[in-house]
N, C-alpha and C. Protein backbone atom coordinates (compact mmCIF):
# COMPACT_ATOMS: atom_id res chain seq x y z
N MET A 1 -45.83 -14.16 -139.86
CA MET A 1 -45.53 -14.16 -138.77
C MET A 1 -47.01 -13.44 -137.51
N ASP A 2 -47.78 -14.19 -136.48
CA ASP A 2 -48.45 -14.42 -136.06
C ASP A 2 -48.75 -13.36 -135.02
N SER A 3 -49.89 -12.44 -134.72
CA SER A 3 -49.94 -10.63 -134.36
C SER A 3 -50.11 -11.21 -133.33
N ASN A 4 -50.82 -12.40 -132.86
CA ASN A 4 -51.68 -12.62 -131.71
C ASN A 4 -50.67 -13.57 -130.88
N SER A 5 -49.58 -13.61 -131.64
CA SER A 5 -48.04 -15.20 -131.04
C SER A 5 -47.30 -14.59 -130.84
N TYR A 6 -47.25 -14.47 -131.37
CA TYR A 6 -45.36 -14.09 -131.61
C TYR A 6 -44.95 -13.49 -130.60
N LYS A 7 -44.55 -12.94 -129.45
CA LYS A 7 -43.63 -12.30 -128.03
C LYS A 7 -42.43 -11.11 -128.62
N VAL A 8 -42.64 -9.94 -128.43
CA VAL A 8 -41.28 -9.46 -128.65
C VAL A 8 -40.64 -9.50 -127.79
N GLY A 9 -39.07 -9.16 -128.07
CA GLY A 9 -38.24 -9.28 -127.67
C GLY A 9 -37.09 -7.58 -127.50
N ALA A 10 -35.85 -7.85 -127.22
CA ALA A 10 -34.85 -7.05 -127.20
C ALA A 10 -34.11 -6.78 -128.06
N ALA A 11 -34.43 -5.74 -129.11
CA ALA A 11 -33.46 -5.87 -130.57
C ALA A 11 -34.14 -5.93 -131.07
N ASP A 12 -35.51 -6.47 -131.32
CA ASP A 12 -36.62 -6.54 -132.86
C ASP A 12 -37.02 -5.19 -133.02
N VAL A 13 -37.54 -4.64 -134.71
CA VAL A 13 -37.91 -3.78 -134.73
C VAL A 13 -38.92 -3.29 -134.96
N LEU A 14 -39.71 -2.55 -134.67
CA LEU A 14 -41.65 -2.94 -134.84
C LEU A 14 -41.48 -1.81 -135.92
N TYR A 15 -42.71 -1.35 -136.11
CA TYR A 15 -43.42 -0.85 -137.41
C TYR A 15 -44.71 -0.15 -136.19
N VAL A 16 -44.19 1.20 -135.77
CA VAL A 16 -45.51 1.99 -135.92
C VAL A 16 -46.14 3.18 -136.92
N ARG A 17 -47.43 2.80 -137.07
CA ARG A 17 -48.15 3.08 -137.57
C ARG A 17 -49.85 3.79 -136.84
N VAL A 18 -49.31 5.18 -136.83
CA VAL A 18 -51.17 5.60 -136.14
C VAL A 18 -51.43 6.45 -137.47
N TRP A 19 -52.42 6.04 -137.84
CA TRP A 19 -53.10 6.73 -138.90
C TRP A 19 -53.42 8.10 -138.68
N ASN A 20 -52.54 9.06 -139.86
CA ASN A 20 -53.40 10.57 -139.61
C ASN A 20 -51.88 11.38 -138.64
N GLU A 21 -51.52 10.77 -138.51
CA GLU A 21 -50.64 11.16 -137.45
C GLU A 21 -48.98 10.49 -137.37
N GLN A 22 -47.95 11.33 -138.93
CA GLN A 22 -47.20 10.98 -138.50
C GLN A 22 -46.03 11.54 -137.66
N GLN A 23 -45.61 12.38 -137.38
CA GLN A 23 -44.74 12.51 -136.28
C GLN A 23 -45.14 10.93 -134.93
N PHE A 24 -46.23 10.09 -134.74
CA PHE A 24 -46.21 9.10 -133.74
C PHE A 24 -45.43 7.58 -134.15
N SER A 25 -45.95 7.74 -136.12
CA SER A 25 -45.53 6.47 -136.91
C SER A 25 -43.35 6.42 -137.43
N GLY A 26 -43.56 5.28 -137.37
CA GLY A 26 -42.17 4.94 -137.88
C GLY A 26 -41.62 3.64 -137.05
N PRO A 27 -40.08 3.24 -137.82
CA PRO A 27 -39.69 2.30 -136.84
C PRO A 27 -38.96 2.83 -135.28
N VAL A 28 -39.68 1.87 -134.50
CA VAL A 28 -39.57 1.42 -133.65
C VAL A 28 -37.95 0.40 -132.89
N SER A 29 -37.08 0.24 -132.15
CA SER A 29 -36.45 -0.23 -131.73
C SER A 29 -36.51 -1.05 -130.06
N VAL A 30 -36.80 -2.31 -129.74
CA VAL A 30 -37.61 -2.37 -128.64
C VAL A 30 -35.21 -2.33 -127.63
N GLN A 31 -35.45 -1.84 -126.69
CA GLN A 31 -34.45 -1.61 -125.57
C GLN A 31 -34.19 -3.24 -125.03
N ASP A 32 -32.93 -2.88 -124.07
CA ASP A 32 -32.79 -4.04 -123.45
C ASP A 32 -33.55 -4.48 -122.69
N ASN A 33 -34.39 -3.20 -122.18
CA ASN A 33 -34.78 -3.24 -121.10
C ASN A 33 -36.47 -3.38 -121.70
N GLY A 34 -36.08 -3.71 -121.94
CA GLY A 34 -38.15 -4.40 -122.91
C GLY A 34 -38.61 -3.26 -123.28
N HIS A 35 -37.91 -1.91 -123.08
CA HIS A 35 -38.97 -0.49 -123.54
C HIS A 35 -38.93 -0.29 -124.96
N ILE A 36 -40.17 1.08 -125.44
CA ILE A 36 -39.77 1.05 -127.29
C ILE A 36 -39.99 2.54 -126.22
N THR A 37 -39.61 4.34 -126.96
CA THR A 37 -39.28 5.09 -126.46
C THR A 37 -40.18 5.46 -128.25
N LEU A 38 -41.69 6.80 -127.67
CA LEU A 38 -42.87 7.24 -128.79
C LEU A 38 -42.22 8.70 -128.27
N PRO A 39 -42.16 9.58 -129.49
CA PRO A 39 -41.92 11.33 -129.17
C PRO A 39 -43.37 11.70 -128.40
N LEU A 40 -42.77 12.62 -127.24
CA LEU A 40 -44.73 13.23 -126.49
C LEU A 40 -44.79 11.55 -125.14
N VAL A 41 -44.20 10.83 -125.99
CA VAL A 41 -44.75 9.33 -125.24
C VAL A 41 -44.20 9.15 -123.79
N GLY A 42 -43.15 9.48 -124.29
CA GLY A 42 -41.53 8.33 -123.63
C GLY A 42 -41.43 7.05 -123.81
N ASP A 43 -41.48 5.98 -122.50
CA ASP A 43 -40.86 4.51 -122.73
C ASP A 43 -42.09 3.83 -122.37
N LEU A 44 -42.73 3.09 -123.27
CA LEU A 44 -44.12 1.64 -122.69
C LEU A 44 -42.70 1.14 -122.52
N ALA A 45 -43.28 -0.08 -121.89
CA ALA A 45 -42.81 -1.46 -121.86
C ALA A 45 -43.71 -2.15 -122.45
N VAL A 46 -42.91 -2.76 -123.47
CA VAL A 46 -44.15 -3.85 -124.23
C VAL A 46 -43.00 -5.31 -124.20
N GLY A 47 -41.29 -5.31 -123.80
CA GLY A 47 -41.39 -7.08 -124.10
C GLY A 47 -42.04 -7.96 -123.73
N ASP A 48 -41.70 -9.40 -124.20
CA ASP A 48 -42.70 -10.38 -123.62
C ASP A 48 -44.45 -10.29 -124.76
N LYS A 49 -44.97 -8.99 -124.84
CA LYS A 49 -45.57 -8.49 -125.41
C LYS A 49 -45.68 -9.10 -126.77
N THR A 50 -47.11 -9.45 -127.38
CA THR A 50 -47.78 -9.32 -128.86
C THR A 50 -47.77 -7.90 -129.56
N PRO A 51 -47.72 -8.19 -131.01
CA PRO A 51 -47.68 -6.91 -131.45
C PRO A 51 -48.90 -6.49 -131.92
N ASN A 52 -49.96 -7.09 -131.38
CA ASN A 52 -51.45 -6.79 -131.28
C ASN A 52 -52.03 -6.50 -129.81
N GLU A 53 -51.59 -6.56 -128.53
CA GLU A 53 -51.24 -6.05 -127.30
C GLU A 53 -50.68 -5.27 -126.83
N ILE A 54 -49.07 -4.73 -127.91
CA ILE A 54 -48.15 -3.64 -127.95
C ILE A 54 -49.06 -2.68 -128.89
N GLN A 55 -50.05 -2.33 -129.17
CA GLN A 55 -51.67 -1.46 -130.47
C GLN A 55 -52.34 -0.91 -128.87
N GLN A 56 -52.62 -1.43 -127.98
CA GLN A 56 -53.65 -1.30 -126.93
C GLN A 56 -52.34 -0.48 -126.08
N ILE A 57 -51.82 -0.60 -126.21
CA ILE A 57 -50.32 -0.25 -125.44
C ILE A 57 -49.66 1.05 -125.10
N ILE A 58 -50.06 1.43 -126.81
CA ILE A 58 -49.72 2.87 -127.59
C ILE A 58 -51.07 3.61 -127.76
N ALA A 59 -52.20 3.09 -128.65
CA ALA A 59 -53.39 3.56 -128.17
C ALA A 59 -53.80 4.47 -127.24
N LYS A 60 -53.38 3.55 -126.13
CA LYS A 60 -54.17 4.10 -124.85
C LYS A 60 -53.27 5.55 -124.09
N ALA A 61 -51.85 5.07 -124.33
CA ALA A 61 -50.69 6.39 -124.18
C ALA A 61 -50.86 7.60 -125.19
N LEU A 62 -51.35 7.39 -126.37
CA LEU A 62 -51.55 8.41 -126.86
C LEU A 62 -53.29 9.08 -127.28
N THR A 63 -53.92 8.36 -126.42
CA THR A 63 -54.99 9.23 -125.88
C THR A 63 -55.00 10.68 -125.23
N ARG A 64 -54.09 11.36 -125.31
CA ARG A 64 -53.56 12.52 -124.28
C ARG A 64 -53.28 13.42 -125.60
N PHE A 65 -52.55 13.15 -126.46
CA PHE A 65 -53.14 13.87 -127.29
C PHE A 65 -53.84 13.75 -128.56
N VAL A 66 -53.67 12.30 -128.94
CA VAL A 66 -54.46 12.50 -130.28
C VAL A 66 -56.41 11.40 -130.26
N VAL A 67 -57.05 12.08 -130.13
CA VAL A 67 -58.83 11.95 -130.65
C VAL A 67 -58.97 9.94 -131.12
N LYS A 68 -58.61 9.61 -130.21
CA LYS A 68 -59.55 8.02 -130.72
C LYS A 68 -57.97 7.76 -132.17
N PRO A 69 -56.97 7.41 -131.46
CA PRO A 69 -55.78 6.67 -132.68
C PRO A 69 -56.70 5.17 -133.07
N LEU A 70 -55.29 5.58 -134.00
CA LEU A 70 -55.88 4.27 -134.90
C LEU A 70 -54.06 3.26 -135.29
N VAL A 71 -54.12 2.78 -133.84
CA VAL A 71 -52.64 2.05 -134.01
C VAL A 71 -52.65 0.63 -134.73
N THR A 72 -51.49 0.86 -135.80
CA THR A 72 -51.28 -0.33 -136.05
C THR A 72 -49.69 -0.60 -135.64
N VAL A 73 -49.38 -1.82 -135.42
CA VAL A 73 -48.48 -2.54 -134.93
C VAL A 73 -47.40 -3.54 -135.79
N THR A 74 -46.33 -3.69 -137.17
CA THR A 74 -46.20 -4.65 -137.03
C THR A 74 -44.20 -4.83 -137.19
N VAL A 75 -43.82 -6.08 -136.91
CA VAL A 75 -42.60 -6.11 -136.54
C VAL A 75 -41.99 -6.46 -137.69
N GLN A 76 -40.97 -5.50 -138.15
CA GLN A 76 -40.51 -5.20 -139.02
C GLN A 76 -39.39 -5.80 -138.98
N ALA A 77 -38.80 -6.22 -137.67
CA ALA A 77 -37.62 -7.38 -138.16
C ALA A 77 -37.24 -7.72 -137.02
N VAL A 78 -37.07 -8.79 -136.89
CA VAL A 78 -37.20 -10.40 -136.14
C VAL A 78 -35.37 -9.88 -135.44
N GLU A 79 -34.79 -9.13 -134.27
CA GLU A 79 -34.04 -9.83 -133.97
C GLU A 79 -32.90 -10.34 -132.25
N SER A 80 -34.41 -10.25 -131.81
CA SER A 80 -34.74 -11.39 -130.55
C SER A 80 -34.32 -12.99 -130.45
N LYS A 81 -34.91 -13.17 -131.11
CA LYS A 81 -34.40 -14.60 -131.07
C LYS A 81 -33.87 -15.17 -131.91
N LYS A 82 -33.00 -16.23 -131.82
CA LYS A 82 -31.68 -16.51 -132.60
C LYS A 82 -30.70 -18.52 -132.03
N TYR A 83 -30.26 -18.73 -133.44
CA TYR A 83 -30.13 -19.61 -132.74
C TYR A 83 -29.10 -20.17 -133.60
N TYR A 84 -28.15 -21.08 -133.08
CA TYR A 84 -27.22 -20.93 -133.54
C TYR A 84 -26.37 -22.69 -134.44
N MET A 85 -25.96 -22.56 -135.82
CA MET A 85 -25.27 -23.54 -135.69
C MET A 85 -23.97 -23.97 -135.85
N ASP A 86 -23.09 -25.05 -135.40
CA ASP A 86 -22.24 -25.01 -135.09
C ASP A 86 -21.12 -26.67 -135.69
N GLY A 87 -20.31 -26.63 -135.74
CA GLY A 87 -19.77 -27.55 -136.62
C GLY A 87 -19.16 -28.04 -137.72
N MET A 88 -19.46 -29.34 -138.57
CA MET A 88 -19.73 -29.80 -139.68
C MET A 88 -20.75 -29.53 -140.53
N VAL A 89 -21.39 -28.59 -140.57
CA VAL A 89 -22.53 -28.27 -141.36
C VAL A 89 -22.26 -27.10 -142.91
N ALA A 90 -22.93 -27.22 -143.55
CA ALA A 90 -22.03 -26.40 -144.59
C ALA A 90 -22.06 -24.68 -144.47
N ARG A 91 -23.15 -24.82 -143.71
CA ARG A 91 -23.12 -23.09 -143.12
C ARG A 91 -23.72 -22.82 -141.85
N PRO A 92 -22.11 -22.73 -140.81
CA PRO A 92 -22.48 -22.55 -139.59
C PRO A 92 -22.64 -20.57 -139.69
N GLY A 93 -23.51 -20.61 -137.88
CA GLY A 93 -23.68 -19.37 -137.78
C GLY A 93 -24.52 -19.49 -136.80
N GLU A 94 -25.08 -17.98 -137.10
CA GLU A 94 -26.43 -17.62 -136.23
C GLU A 94 -27.74 -17.72 -137.10
N TYR A 95 -28.58 -18.28 -137.23
CA TYR A 95 -29.52 -18.59 -137.52
C TYR A 95 -30.75 -17.66 -136.89
N MET A 96 -32.26 -16.44 -137.09
CA MET A 96 -32.94 -15.95 -136.98
C MET A 96 -34.21 -17.10 -136.85
N LEU A 97 -34.63 -17.40 -135.49
CA LEU A 97 -35.63 -17.83 -134.83
C LEU A 97 -37.40 -17.23 -135.13
N ILE A 98 -37.40 -16.85 -136.47
CA ILE A 98 -38.46 -16.44 -137.21
C ILE A 98 -40.01 -17.39 -137.36
N THR A 99 -39.98 -18.31 -137.31
CA THR A 99 -41.22 -19.13 -137.19
C THR A 99 -40.19 -20.50 -136.05
N PRO A 100 -41.21 -21.41 -136.19
CA PRO A 100 -40.50 -22.63 -135.68
C PRO A 100 -40.05 -23.53 -136.62
N THR A 101 -38.92 -24.28 -135.16
CA THR A 101 -37.93 -24.69 -136.71
C THR A 101 -37.39 -25.75 -135.70
N THR A 102 -37.61 -26.56 -136.22
CA THR A 102 -37.35 -28.05 -135.50
C THR A 102 -35.42 -28.55 -136.28
N VAL A 103 -34.88 -29.24 -135.31
CA VAL A 103 -33.25 -29.46 -135.30
C VAL A 103 -32.95 -29.79 -136.76
N PHE A 104 -34.23 -30.77 -137.36
CA PHE A 104 -33.76 -31.31 -138.76
C PHE A 104 -34.37 -30.01 -140.02
N GLN A 105 -35.14 -29.59 -139.68
CA GLN A 105 -35.15 -28.16 -140.36
C GLN A 105 -34.11 -26.96 -140.44
N ALA A 106 -33.63 -27.33 -139.45
CA ALA A 106 -31.81 -26.10 -139.05
C ALA A 106 -31.71 -26.16 -139.84
N ILE A 107 -30.09 -28.04 -139.56
CA ILE A 107 -29.65 -28.54 -140.69
C ILE A 107 -30.02 -28.48 -141.99
N SER A 108 -31.16 -28.23 -142.99
CA SER A 108 -31.29 -28.08 -143.95
C SER A 108 -31.00 -26.56 -144.85
N LYS A 109 -31.23 -25.22 -143.14
CA LYS A 109 -31.42 -24.15 -143.59
C LYS A 109 -29.64 -23.67 -143.25
N ALA A 110 -29.44 -24.82 -143.07
CA ALA A 110 -27.55 -24.22 -143.04
C ALA A 110 -26.99 -24.88 -143.84
N ASN A 111 -27.56 -25.67 -145.29
CA ASN A 111 -27.40 -26.34 -146.63
C ASN A 111 -26.26 -27.44 -146.30
N GLY A 112 -27.20 -28.71 -145.34
CA GLY A 112 -27.02 -29.71 -144.58
C GLY A 112 -25.98 -29.99 -144.53
N LEU A 113 -25.28 -31.35 -143.56
CA LEU A 113 -24.24 -31.82 -143.23
C LEU A 113 -22.91 -31.52 -143.98
N GLN A 114 -21.63 -31.78 -143.21
CA GLN A 114 -20.56 -31.30 -144.30
C GLN A 114 -20.23 -32.96 -144.15
N GLU A 115 -19.22 -33.38 -145.41
CA GLU A 115 -18.90 -34.57 -145.66
C GLU A 115 -18.64 -35.75 -144.69
N PHE A 116 -17.74 -34.89 -143.39
CA PHE A 116 -17.50 -36.15 -142.74
C PHE A 116 -17.33 -35.34 -141.40
N ALA A 117 -18.50 -34.94 -141.23
CA ALA A 117 -19.56 -34.88 -140.47
C ALA A 117 -20.09 -36.41 -139.70
N ASN A 118 -20.39 -36.46 -138.06
CA ASN A 118 -20.82 -37.28 -137.71
C ASN A 118 -21.98 -37.28 -137.65
N PRO A 119 -23.00 -38.09 -138.31
CA PRO A 119 -24.64 -37.48 -138.42
C PRO A 119 -25.25 -38.07 -136.72
N LYS A 120 -24.69 -39.21 -135.84
CA LYS A 120 -25.29 -39.96 -134.88
C LYS A 120 -24.88 -39.39 -134.12
N LYS A 121 -23.77 -38.13 -133.41
CA LYS A 121 -23.79 -37.85 -133.25
C LYS A 121 -24.16 -36.54 -132.49
N ILE A 122 -24.71 -35.97 -133.41
CA ILE A 122 -25.18 -34.44 -133.43
C ILE A 122 -25.92 -34.30 -132.15
N TYR A 123 -25.92 -33.02 -131.26
CA TYR A 123 -26.57 -32.66 -130.43
C TYR A 123 -27.00 -31.40 -130.46
N VAL A 124 -27.95 -30.98 -129.15
CA VAL A 124 -28.46 -29.43 -129.46
C VAL A 124 -28.14 -29.37 -127.45
N LEU A 125 -27.19 -28.08 -127.48
CA LEU A 125 -26.67 -26.90 -126.29
C LEU A 125 -27.98 -26.18 -126.03
N ARG A 126 -29.03 -26.70 -125.05
CA ARG A 126 -30.33 -26.14 -124.83
C ARG A 126 -28.95 -25.53 -123.43
N GLY A 127 -28.78 -24.04 -122.45
CA GLY A 127 -28.57 -23.79 -121.26
C GLY A 127 -27.76 -25.18 -121.25
N THR A 128 -27.26 -25.16 -119.74
CA THR A 128 -26.99 -26.99 -119.34
C THR A 128 -26.89 -28.03 -119.72
N GLN A 129 -28.45 -27.66 -120.33
CA GLN A 129 -28.76 -29.39 -121.55
C GLN A 129 -27.91 -29.75 -122.50
N ARG A 130 -27.41 -30.51 -122.57
CA ARG A 130 -27.54 -31.62 -124.14
C ARG A 130 -28.60 -32.93 -124.99
N ILE A 131 -29.24 -32.00 -126.11
CA ILE A 131 -30.12 -32.74 -126.38
C ILE A 131 -29.78 -33.88 -127.61
N PRO A 132 -29.11 -35.13 -126.93
CA PRO A 132 -29.12 -35.86 -128.39
C PRO A 132 -29.86 -35.96 -130.31
N PHE A 133 -29.39 -36.14 -131.06
CA PHE A 133 -29.41 -36.20 -132.26
C PHE A 133 -29.51 -36.61 -132.90
N ASN A 134 -30.43 -37.72 -133.17
CA ASN A 134 -29.91 -38.78 -134.65
C ASN A 134 -30.38 -38.61 -135.68
N TYR A 135 -29.11 -37.96 -136.81
CA TYR A 135 -29.54 -37.15 -137.89
C TYR A 135 -29.76 -38.53 -138.82
N LYS A 136 -29.23 -39.85 -138.36
CA LYS A 136 -29.41 -40.72 -139.22
C LYS A 136 -30.84 -41.25 -139.35
N GLU A 137 -31.35 -41.49 -137.70
CA GLU A 137 -32.64 -42.20 -137.64
C GLU A 137 -34.24 -41.14 -137.77
N VAL A 138 -33.80 -40.06 -137.76
CA VAL A 138 -34.63 -39.01 -138.38
C VAL A 138 -34.75 -39.36 -140.01
N ILE A 139 -33.76 -39.16 -140.87
CA ILE A 139 -34.16 -39.06 -141.88
C ILE A 139 -34.77 -40.49 -142.98
N HIS A 140 -34.65 -41.28 -141.40
CA HIS A 140 -35.31 -42.36 -142.14
C HIS A 140 -36.40 -42.44 -141.67
N GLY A 141 -36.85 -41.68 -141.00
CA GLY A 141 -38.45 -41.48 -140.30
C GLY A 141 -38.19 -42.34 -139.07
N LYS A 142 -37.17 -42.51 -138.25
CA LYS A 142 -37.57 -43.15 -137.07
C LYS A 142 -36.68 -42.28 -135.34
N ASN A 143 -37.43 -42.71 -134.25
CA ASN A 143 -37.69 -42.10 -133.46
C ASN A 143 -37.87 -40.39 -133.41
N MET A 144 -38.99 -40.26 -133.92
CA MET A 144 -38.66 -38.49 -134.40
C MET A 144 -39.10 -37.46 -133.79
N ALA A 145 -39.34 -37.70 -132.10
CA ALA A 145 -39.26 -37.31 -130.66
C ALA A 145 -38.46 -36.43 -131.23
N GLN A 146 -36.75 -37.21 -131.08
CA GLN A 146 -35.40 -36.69 -131.32
C GLN A 146 -35.98 -34.85 -131.48
N ASP A 147 -36.30 -35.16 -132.91
CA ASP A 147 -36.93 -33.51 -133.72
C ASP A 147 -37.10 -32.88 -133.35
N VAL A 148 -36.28 -32.53 -131.99
CA VAL A 148 -37.41 -31.39 -130.99
C VAL A 148 -37.65 -29.55 -131.72
N GLN A 149 -38.17 -29.46 -131.09
CA GLN A 149 -38.21 -28.08 -131.74
C GLN A 149 -37.16 -26.55 -131.16
N LEU A 150 -36.32 -26.51 -131.83
CA LEU A 150 -35.03 -24.69 -130.94
C LEU A 150 -35.71 -23.59 -130.51
N GLN A 151 -35.52 -23.36 -129.54
CA GLN A 151 -35.48 -22.23 -128.69
C GLN A 151 -34.46 -21.68 -128.50
N PRO A 152 -34.39 -20.21 -128.20
CA PRO A 152 -34.02 -19.24 -128.66
C PRO A 152 -32.79 -19.73 -128.20
N GLY A 153 -31.71 -19.22 -128.42
CA GLY A 153 -30.36 -19.54 -127.48
C GLY A 153 -29.97 -20.80 -127.77
N ASP A 154 -30.50 -21.87 -127.84
CA ASP A 154 -29.69 -23.52 -129.16
C ASP A 154 -29.16 -23.01 -129.34
N HIS A 155 -28.14 -24.04 -129.37
CA HIS A 155 -26.54 -24.82 -130.66
C HIS A 155 -26.75 -25.92 -130.65
N VAL A 156 -26.82 -26.10 -132.03
CA VAL A 156 -27.28 -27.22 -132.89
C VAL A 156 -25.65 -27.56 -133.15
N VAL A 157 -24.50 -28.94 -132.54
CA VAL A 157 -23.45 -29.08 -132.57
C VAL A 157 -23.56 -30.23 -133.01
N VAL A 158 -22.44 -30.12 -134.35
CA VAL A 158 -22.54 -30.99 -135.24
C VAL A 158 -21.25 -31.53 -135.31
N PRO A 159 -20.69 -33.15 -135.02
CA PRO A 159 -19.10 -33.17 -134.41
C PRO A 159 -18.26 -33.87 -135.93
């Protein structure tokens, strides 16, 4: 996961490490409002920021308590970005969207299609939008534009 591009969201778990300052180090969960809470410092807004940006926010907040704080922030668990596999796949359910994932890759992660799945009628539900996906075409290298990258909250429906 790239600390320069991954945007933190609610329910993600971050690991904050402040060099030589154990009381400020440890895992913290991002709250629904996009804030984390640190001892003495209080709430800090980190939602939709990268780990590198969060390091700077925490370091600035800690300057009241620590001389030149050296802060490292890593994402310990991604809980904010999920997609769902529904219908005739081997393993339907909720999946974490940690790295960019296409519809075809998502079907593979779900251990493929069940025996009676309709590979030509698969679609992605994205809000009110319905994006068609023809597995037969993609597996033969045709019409690859339909193999879109999934976004958080997408449902891949396999009838």
